[in-house]
Amino acid sequence: MAELTLVIGNKNYSSWSFRPWLAMKQSGLQFNEIRIPLYTPGTAEKIRQYSPSGRVPVLLHGGQPVWDSLAIMEYLAEEFPDLHWVPEDKAARAIARCISAEIHSGFFKIRENMPMNCRARYPGKGMTLGVPQEIDRITTIWRNYRQKFGEDGDMLFGKFTIADAMYAPVVLRFVTYGVEVDRVCQDYMEAILGLPAMQEWLKAAEAEEEVLSKYEF
């Protein structure tokens, strides 16, 4: 089996890098990691050595580059079908794909006004026009599918899936900006935050020296 290598950006700031990294850790996959700090001289050139899109993350596997967070996880689900990437129930699996695609292509107000910054705490910041509505949609997703499909565990569909990896950066954003949620959503956030892989990522983010002003208030 060819080695897996994941090329990522700063752990403190790169939400898209975090998604496949978390999914791979949770699935028990062994992989190499190349971290390229973002927005520094030479960053673009370094990333383009690996990524046709010029963006991170990108997975390297047997000479095959796979870029984009969701595409990486879908690729891994095909390569390692015995691991638990999606719900077993057909209806739950369809919903998991829908909500993963929804966050992949939407929630622009939260992305713009509440950028991921694991180390920071900015309670009340970022609540501009459109953000509360997107927060409401996300918490509705969490509440509905935890209650409908989450009986076998503390993730959205019981066991950890790609959908949880897609929403994990939102959990970090809600912590950073002090977003208040209901009990069901709070329990879900605490479950995500309690994952050993999450704690590993946060510890590494705390140790990073780079400070990107565009992500700081």
C-alpha atoms as a PDB file:
ATOM      1  CA  MET A   1       0.000   0.000   0.000  1.00  0.00           C
ATOM      2  CA  ALA A   2       1.394   3.393  -1.011  1.00  0.00           C
ATOM      3  CA  GLU A   3       2.035   5.904   1.740  1.00  0.00           C
ATOM      4  CA  LEU A   4      -0.457   8.629   2.439  1.00  0.00           C
ATOM      5  CA  THR A   5       0.773  12.211   2.768  1.00  0.00           C
ATOM      6  CA  LEU A   6      -1.490  15.106   3.667  1.00  0.00           C
ATOM      7  CA  VAL A   7      -0.353  18.638   2.851  1.00  0.00           C
ATOM      8  CA  ILE A   8      -1.982  21.210   5.123  1.00  0.00           C
ATOM      9  CA  GLY A   9      -1.784  24.850   6.166  1.00  0.00           C
ATOM     10  CA  ASN A  10      -1.534  26.405   9.625  1.00  0.00           C
ATOM     11  CA  LYS A  11      -3.359  24.347  12.218  1.00  0.00           C
ATOM     12  CA  ASN A  12      -4.530  27.458  14.023  1.00  0.00           C
ATOM     13  CA  TYR A  13      -6.285  28.887  10.991  1.00  0.00           C
ATOM     14  CA  SER A  14      -6.816  26.341   8.204  1.00  0.00           C
ATOM     15  CA  SER A  15     -10.293  24.906   8.640  1.00  0.00           C
ATOM     16  CA  TRP A  16     -10.234  23.104   5.297  1.00  0.00           C
ATOM     17  CA  SER A  17      -6.965  21.379   6.216  1.00  0.00           C
ATOM     18  CA  PHE A  18      -8.456  20.310   9.525  1.00  0.00           C
ATOM     19  CA  ARG A  19     -11.357  18.386   8.009  1.00  0.00           C
ATOM     20  CA  PRO A  20      -9.523  15.526   6.234  1.00  0.00           C
ATOM     21  CA  TRP A  21      -6.787  15.511   8.882  1.00  0.00           C
ATOM     22  CA  LEU A  22      -9.381  14.835  11.592  1.00  0.00           C
ATOM     23  CA  ALA A  23     -11.177  12.216   9.504  1.00  0.00           C
ATOM     24  CA  MET A  24      -7.942  10.381   8.786  1.00  0.00           C
ATOM     25  CA  LYS A  25      -6.910  10.428  12.445  1.00  0.00           C
ATOM     26  CA  GLN A  26     -10.332   9.221  13.562  1.00  0.00           C
ATOM     27  CA  SER A  27     -10.209   6.413  11.032  1.00  0.00           C
ATOM     28  CA  GLY A  28      -6.842   5.261  12.316  1.00  0.00           C
ATOM     29  CA  LEU A  29      -5.013   5.846   9.052  1.00  0.00           C
ATOM     30  CA  GLN A  30      -1.258   6.299   9.205  1.00  0.00           C
ATOM     31  CA  PHE A  31      -0.084   9.263   7.136  1.00  0.00           C
ATOM     32  CA  ASN A  32       2.744  11.718   6.715  1.00  0.00           C
ATOM     33  CA  GLU A  33       2.061  15.403   7.184  1.00  0.00           C
ATOM     34  CA  ILE A  34       3.524  18.387   5.364  1.00  0.00           C
ATOM     35  CA  ARG A  35       2.603  21.731   6.920  1.00  0.00           C
ATOM     36  CA  ILE A  36       3.012  24.847   4.798  1.00  0.00           C
ATOM     37  CA  PRO A  37       2.350  28.123   6.665  1.00  0.00           C
ATOM     38  CA  LEU A  38      -0.086  30.279   4.741  1.00  0.00           C
ATOM     39  CA  TYR A  39       0.374  33.859   3.506  1.00  0.00           C
ATOM     40  CA  THR A  40       4.143  33.943   3.791  1.00  0.00           C
ATOM     41  CA  PRO A  41       6.752  34.584   1.057  1.00  0.00           C
ATOM     42  CA  GLY A  42       7.002  31.461  -1.052  1.00  0.00           C
ATOM     43  CA  THR A  43       3.788  29.875   0.241  1.00  0.00           C
ATOM     44  CA  ALA A  44       2.105  29.737  -3.164  1.00  0.00           C
ATOM     45  CA  GLU A  45       5.136  28.156  -4.820  1.00  0.00           C
ATOM     46  CA  LYS A  46       5.490  25.548  -2.084  1.00  0.00           C
ATOM     47  CA  ILE A  47       1.828  24.556  -2.273  1.00  0.00           C
ATOM     48  CA  ARG A  48       1.929  24.297  -6.067  1.00  0.00           C
ATOM     49  CA  GLN A  49       4.652  21.672  -5.752  1.00  0.00           C
ATOM     50  CA  TYR A  50       1.904  19.380  -4.480  1.00  0.00           C
ATOM     51  CA  SER A  51      -1.495  20.838  -5.373  1.00  0.00           C
ATOM     52  CA  PRO A  52      -2.780  21.512  -8.919  1.00  0.00           C
ATOM     53  CA  SER A  53      -5.292  23.982  -7.470  1.00  0.00           C
ATOM     54  CA  GLY A  54      -2.655  25.885  -5.534  1.00  0.00           C
ATOM     55  CA  ARG A  55      -4.624  25.329  -2.349  1.00  0.00           C
ATOM     56  CA  VAL A  56      -4.429  23.139   0.721  1.00  0.00           C
ATOM     57  CA  PRO A  57      -5.268  20.523   1.722  1.00  0.00           C
ATOM     58  CA  VAL A  58      -4.040  18.029  -0.818  1.00  0.00           C
ATOM     59  CA  LEU A  59      -3.610  14.293  -0.320  1.00  0.00           C
ATOM     60  CA  LEU A  60      -0.746  12.476  -2.022  1.00  0.00           C
ATOM     61  CA  HIS A  61      -1.214   8.750  -2.514  1.00  0.00           C
ATOM     62  CA  GLY A  62       0.888   6.639  -4.839  1.00  0.00           C
ATOM     63  CA  GLY A  63       1.741   9.638  -6.996  1.00  0.00           C
ATOM     64  CA  GLN A  64      -1.914  10.681  -7.210  1.00  0.00           C
ATOM     65  CA  PRO A  65      -2.749  14.159  -5.847  1.00  0.00           C
ATOM     66  CA  VAL A  66      -6.274  14.580  -4.520  1.00  0.00           C
ATOM     67  CA  TRP A  67      -7.255  18.085  -3.548  1.00  0.00           C
ATOM     68  CA  ASP A  68     -10.271  19.667  -1.820  1.00  0.00           C
ATOM     69  CA  SER A  69     -11.316  18.489   1.647  1.00  0.00           C
ATOM     70  CA  LEU A  70     -14.500  16.697   0.677  1.00  0.00           C
ATOM     71  CA  ALA A  71     -12.931  15.080  -2.394  1.00  0.00           C
ATOM     72  CA  ILE A  72     -10.078  13.791  -0.221  1.00  0.00           C
ATOM     73  CA  MET A  73     -12.469  12.142   2.219  1.00  0.00           C
ATOM     74  CA  GLU A  74     -14.588  10.662  -0.574  1.00  0.00           C
ATOM     75  CA  TYR A  75     -11.418   9.266  -2.157  1.00  0.00           C
ATOM     76  CA  LEU A  76     -10.342   7.731   1.142  1.00  0.00           C
ATOM     77  CA  ALA A  77     -13.785   6.193   1.595  1.00  0.00           C
ATOM     78  CA  GLU A  78     -13.283   4.391  -1.727  1.00  0.00           C
ATOM     79  CA  GLU A  79      -9.707   3.382  -0.971  1.00  0.00           C
ATOM     80  CA  PHE A  80     -10.461   2.164   2.550  1.00  0.00           C
ATOM     81  CA  PRO A  81     -14.096   0.969   2.418  1.00  0.00           C
ATOM     82  CA  ASP A  82     -13.803  -1.134   5.563  1.00  0.00           C
ATOM     83  CA  LEU A  83     -13.408   2.002   7.694  1.00  0.00           C
ATOM     84  CA  HIS A  84     -16.425   3.921   8.949  1.00  0.00           C
ATOM     85  CA  TRP A  85     -16.715   7.004   6.734  1.00  0.00           C
ATOM     86  CA  VAL A  86     -20.482   7.228   6.264  1.00  0.00           C
ATOM     87  CA  PRO A  87     -23.562   5.965   8.115  1.00  0.00           C
ATOM     88  CA  GLU A  88     -24.616   2.413   7.382  1.00  0.00           C
ATOM     89  CA  ASP A  89     -28.318   3.282   7.142  1.00  0.00           C
ATOM     90  CA  LYS A  90     -29.255   4.388   3.611  1.00  0.00           C
ATOM     91  CA  ALA A  91     -31.456   7.299   4.696  1.00  0.00           C
ATOM     92  CA  ALA A  92     -28.865   8.537   7.187  1.00  0.00           C
ATOM     93  CA  ARG A  93     -26.155   8.191   4.547  1.00  0.00           C
ATOM     94  CA  ALA A  94     -28.116  10.371   2.127  1.00  0.00           C
ATOM     95  CA  ILE A  95     -28.611  13.046   4.786  1.00  0.00           C
ATOM     96  CA  ALA A  96     -24.930  12.903   5.771  1.00  0.00           C
ATOM     97  CA  ARG A  97     -23.947  13.554   2.162  1.00  0.00           C
ATOM     98  CA  CYS A  98     -26.436  16.419   1.891  1.00  0.00           C
ATOM     99  CA  ILE A  99     -25.290  18.249   5.001  1.00  0.00           C
ATOM    100  CA  SER A 100     -21.632  17.708   4.120  1.00  0.00           C
ATOM    101  CA  ALA A 101     -22.233  19.259   0.700  1.00  0.00           C
ATOM    102  CA  GLU A 102     -24.254  22.064   2.292  1.00  0.00           C
ATOM    103  CA  ILE A 103     -21.417  23.226   4.498  1.00  0.00           C
ATOM    104  CA  HIS A 104     -18.890  22.662   1.738  1.00  0.00           C
ATOM    105  CA  SER A 105     -20.690  25.106  -0.551  1.00  0.00           C
ATOM    106  CA  GLY A 106     -22.378  27.488   1.873  1.00  0.00           C
ATOM    107  CA  PHE A 107     -22.332  29.433   5.139  1.00  0.00           C
ATOM    108  CA  PHE A 108     -20.288  32.260   3.619  1.00  0.00           C
ATOM    109  CA  LYS A 109     -21.267  34.795   6.289  1.00  0.00           C
ATOM    110  CA  ILE A 110     -19.815  32.662   9.080  1.00  0.00           C
ATOM    111  CA  ARG A 111     -16.664  31.969   7.071  1.00  0.00           C
ATOM    112  CA  GLU A 112     -16.171  35.674   6.368  1.00  0.00           C
ATOM    113  CA  ASN A 113     -17.010  37.060   9.783  1.00  0.00           C
ATOM    114  CA  MET A 114     -15.955  34.217  12.082  1.00  0.00           C
ATOM    115  CA  PRO A 115     -12.703  32.841  10.630  1.00  0.00           C
ATOM    116  CA  MET A 116     -11.216  29.840  12.382  1.00  0.00           C
ATOM    117  CA  ASN A 117      -8.692  30.851  15.036  1.00  0.00           C
ATOM    118  CA  CYS A 118      -8.222  28.057  17.552  1.00  0.00           C
ATOM    119  CA  ARG A 119      -6.105  30.060  19.995  1.00  0.00           C
ATOM    120  CA  ALA A 120      -8.274  33.173  20.186  1.00  0.00           C
ATOM    121  CA  ARG A 121     -11.392  34.019  22.173  1.00  0.00           C
ATOM    122  CA  TYR A 122     -13.614  36.757  20.723  1.00  0.00           C
ATOM    123  CA  PRO A 123     -17.011  36.359  22.423  1.00  0.00           C
ATOM    124  CA  GLY A 124     -19.724  38.300  20.657  1.00  0.00           C
ATOM    125  CA  LYS A 125     -17.573  39.217  17.653  1.00  0.00           C
ATOM    126  CA  GLY A 126     -18.596  38.465  14.102  1.00  0.00           C
ATOM    127  CA  MET A 127     -22.361  38.598  14.635  1.00  0.00           C
ATOM    128  CA  THR A 128     -22.997  40.645  11.519  1.00  0.00           C
ATOM    129  CA  LEU A 129     -25.973  40.595   9.170  1.00  0.00           C
ATOM    130  CA  GLY A 130     -26.716  37.042   8.041  1.00  0.00           C
ATOM    131  CA  VAL A 131     -24.513  35.277  10.601  1.00  0.00           C
ATOM    132  CA  PRO A 132     -27.288  34.502  13.145  1.00  0.00           C
ATOM    133  CA  GLN A 133     -29.379  32.927  10.385  1.00  0.00           C
ATOM    134  CA  GLU A 134     -26.499  30.668   9.365  1.00  0.00           C
ATOM    135  CA  ILE A 135     -25.860  29.736  12.989  1.00  0.00           C
ATOM    136  CA  ASP A 136     -29.527  28.824  13.321  1.00  0.00           C
ATOM    137  CA  ARG A 137     -29.332  26.593  10.257  1.00  0.00           C
ATOM    138  CA  ILE A 138     -26.227  24.795  11.569  1.00  0.00           C
ATOM    139  CA  THR A 139     -27.691  24.213  15.028  1.00  0.00           C
ATOM    140  CA  THR A 140     -30.914  22.969  13.422  1.00  0.00           C
ATOM    141  CA  ILE A 141     -28.866  20.424  11.450  1.00  0.00           C
ATOM    142  CA  TRP A 142     -27.030  19.290  14.566  1.00  0.00           C
ATOM    143  CA  ARG A 143     -30.169  19.066  16.692  1.00  0.00           C
ATOM    144  CA  ASN A 144     -32.316  17.317  14.074  1.00  0.00           C
ATOM    145  CA  TYR A 145     -29.844  14.617  13.114  1.00  0.00           C
ATOM    146  CA  ARG A 146     -28.447  13.997  16.571  1.00  0.00           C
ATOM    147  CA  GLN A 147     -31.999  13.319  17.671  1.00  0.00           C
ATOM    148  CA  LYS A 148     -32.971  11.293  14.609  1.00  0.00           C
ATOM    149  CA  PHE A 149     -29.814   9.260  13.929  1.00  0.00           C
ATOM    150  CA  GLY A 150     -27.512   9.655  16.908  1.00  0.00           C
ATOM    151  CA  GLU A 151     -28.695   6.871  19.189  1.00  0.00           C
ATOM    152  CA  ASP A 152     -25.556   4.737  18.710  1.00  0.00           C
ATOM    153  CA  GLY A 153     -23.058   7.353  19.851  1.00  0.00           C
ATOM    154  CA  ASP A 154     -22.419  11.035  20.444  1.00  0.00           C
ATOM    155  CA  MET A 155     -21.705  12.109  16.861  1.00  0.00           C
ATOM    156  CA  LEU A 156     -24.283  13.380  14.359  1.00  0.00           C
ATOM    157  CA  PHE A 157     -25.038   9.870  13.140  1.00  0.00           C
ATOM    158  CA  GLY A 158     -23.911   8.016  16.237  1.00  0.00           C
ATOM    159  CA  LYS A 159     -20.418   7.033  15.133  1.00  0.00           C
ATOM    160  CA  PHE A 160     -17.928   9.523  13.653  1.00  0.00           C
ATOM    161  CA  THR A 161     -18.392  10.126   9.913  1.00  0.00           C
ATOM    162  CA  ILE A 162     -17.250  12.524   7.214  1.00  0.00           C
ATOM    163  CA  ALA A 163     -20.148  14.784   8.203  1.00  0.00           C
ATOM    164  CA  ASP A 164     -18.638  15.295  11.661  1.00  0.00           C
ATOM    165  CA  ALA A 165     -15.293  16.172  10.080  1.00  0.00           C
ATOM    166  CA  MET A 166     -17.024  18.745   7.908  1.00  0.00           C
ATOM    167  CA  TYR A 167     -18.675  20.442  10.905  1.00  0.00           C
ATOM    168  CA  ALA A 168     -15.772  20.166  13.364  1.00  0.00           C
ATOM    169  CA  PRO A 169     -14.275  23.560  12.362  1.00  0.00           C
ATOM    170  CA  VAL A 170     -17.654  25.141  13.095  1.00  0.00           C
ATOM    171  CA  VAL A 171     -17.427  23.761  16.618  1.00  0.00           C
ATOM    172  CA  LEU A 172     -14.087  25.543  16.986  1.00  0.00           C
ATOM    173  CA  ARG A 173     -15.558  28.750  15.587  1.00  0.00           C
ATOM    174  CA  PHE A 174     -18.455  28.621  18.052  1.00  0.00           C
ATOM    175  CA  VAL A 175     -15.954  28.256  20.902  1.00  0.00           C
ATOM    176  CA  THR A 176     -13.808  31.141  19.650  1.00  0.00           C
ATOM    177  CA  TYR A 177     -16.741  33.524  19.222  1.00  0.00           C
ATOM    178  CA  GLY A 178     -18.728  32.393  22.238  1.00  0.00           C
ATOM    179  CA  VAL A 179     -21.796  31.264  20.305  1.00  0.00           C
ATOM    180  CA  GLU A 180     -24.520  30.051  22.659  1.00  0.00           C
ATOM    181  CA  VAL A 181     -26.357  26.895  21.651  1.00  0.00           C
ATOM    182  CA  ASP A 182     -28.984  24.583  23.138  1.00  0.00           C
ATOM    183  CA  ARG A 183     -28.189  21.527  25.249  1.00  0.00           C
ATOM    184  CA  VAL A 184     -28.280  19.031  22.380  1.00  0.00           C
ATOM    185  CA  CYS A 185     -25.842  21.099  20.349  1.00  0.00           C
ATOM    186  CA  GLN A 186     -23.647  21.802  23.369  1.00  0.00           C
ATOM    187  CA  ASP A 187     -23.358  18.084  24.071  1.00  0.00           C
ATOM    188  CA  TYR A 188     -22.390  17.509  20.454  1.00  0.00           C
ATOM    189  CA  MET A 189     -19.760  20.245  20.600  1.00  0.00           C
ATOM    190  CA  GLU A 190     -18.302  18.780  23.781  1.00  0.00           C
ATOM    191  CA  ALA A 191     -18.123  15.343  22.134  1.00  0.00           C
ATOM    192  CA  ILE A 192     -16.217  16.777  19.161  1.00  0.00           C
ATOM    193  CA  LEU A 193     -13.910  18.786  21.418  1.00  0.00           C
ATOM    194  CA  GLY A 194     -13.215  15.679  23.486  1.00  0.00           C
ATOM    195  CA  LEU A 195     -11.879  13.638  20.577  1.00  0.00           C
ATOM    196  CA  PRO A 196      -8.186  12.812  21.114  1.00  0.00           C
ATOM    197  CA  ALA A 197      -7.462  13.865  17.535  1.00  0.00           C
ATOM    198  CA  MET A 198      -9.108  17.233  18.192  1.00  0.00           C
ATOM    199  CA  GLN A 199      -6.949  17.724  21.274  1.00  0.00           C
ATOM    200  CA  GLU A 200      -3.847  16.809  19.274  1.00  0.00           C
ATOM    201  CA  TRP A 201      -4.717  19.411  16.627  1.00  0.00           C
ATOM    202  CA  LEU A 202      -5.412  22.119  19.219  1.00  0.00           C
ATOM    203  CA  LYS A 203      -2.145  21.447  21.024  1.00  0.00           C
ATOM    204  CA  ALA A 204      -0.236  21.814  17.760  1.00  0.00           C
ATOM    205  CA  ALA A 205      -2.178  24.983  16.874  1.00  0.00           C
ATOM    206  CA  GLU A 206      -1.264  26.498  20.227  1.00  0.00           C
ATOM    207  CA  ALA A 207       2.416  25.820  19.576  1.00  0.00           C
ATOM    208  CA  GLU A 208       2.481  27.505  16.164  1.00  0.00           C
ATOM    209  CA  GLU A 209       4.317  30.814  16.030  1.00  0.00           C
ATOM    210  CA  GLU A 210       2.653  32.348  12.966  1.00  0.00           C
ATOM    211  CA  VAL A 211       0.106  35.121  13.517  1.00  0.00           C
ATOM    212  CA  LEU A 212      -2.075  35.973  10.518  1.00  0.00           C
ATOM    213  CA  SER A 213      -3.624  39.400  11.006  1.00  0.00           C
ATOM    214  CA  LYS A 214      -6.499  38.700   8.603  1.00  0.00           C
ATOM    215  CA  TYR A 215      -7.809  36.126  11.101  1.00  0.00           C
ATOM    216  CA  GLU A 216      -7.318  38.264  14.197  1.00  0.00           C
ATOM    217  CA  PHE A 217      -9.714  40.886  15.603  1.00  0.00           C
END
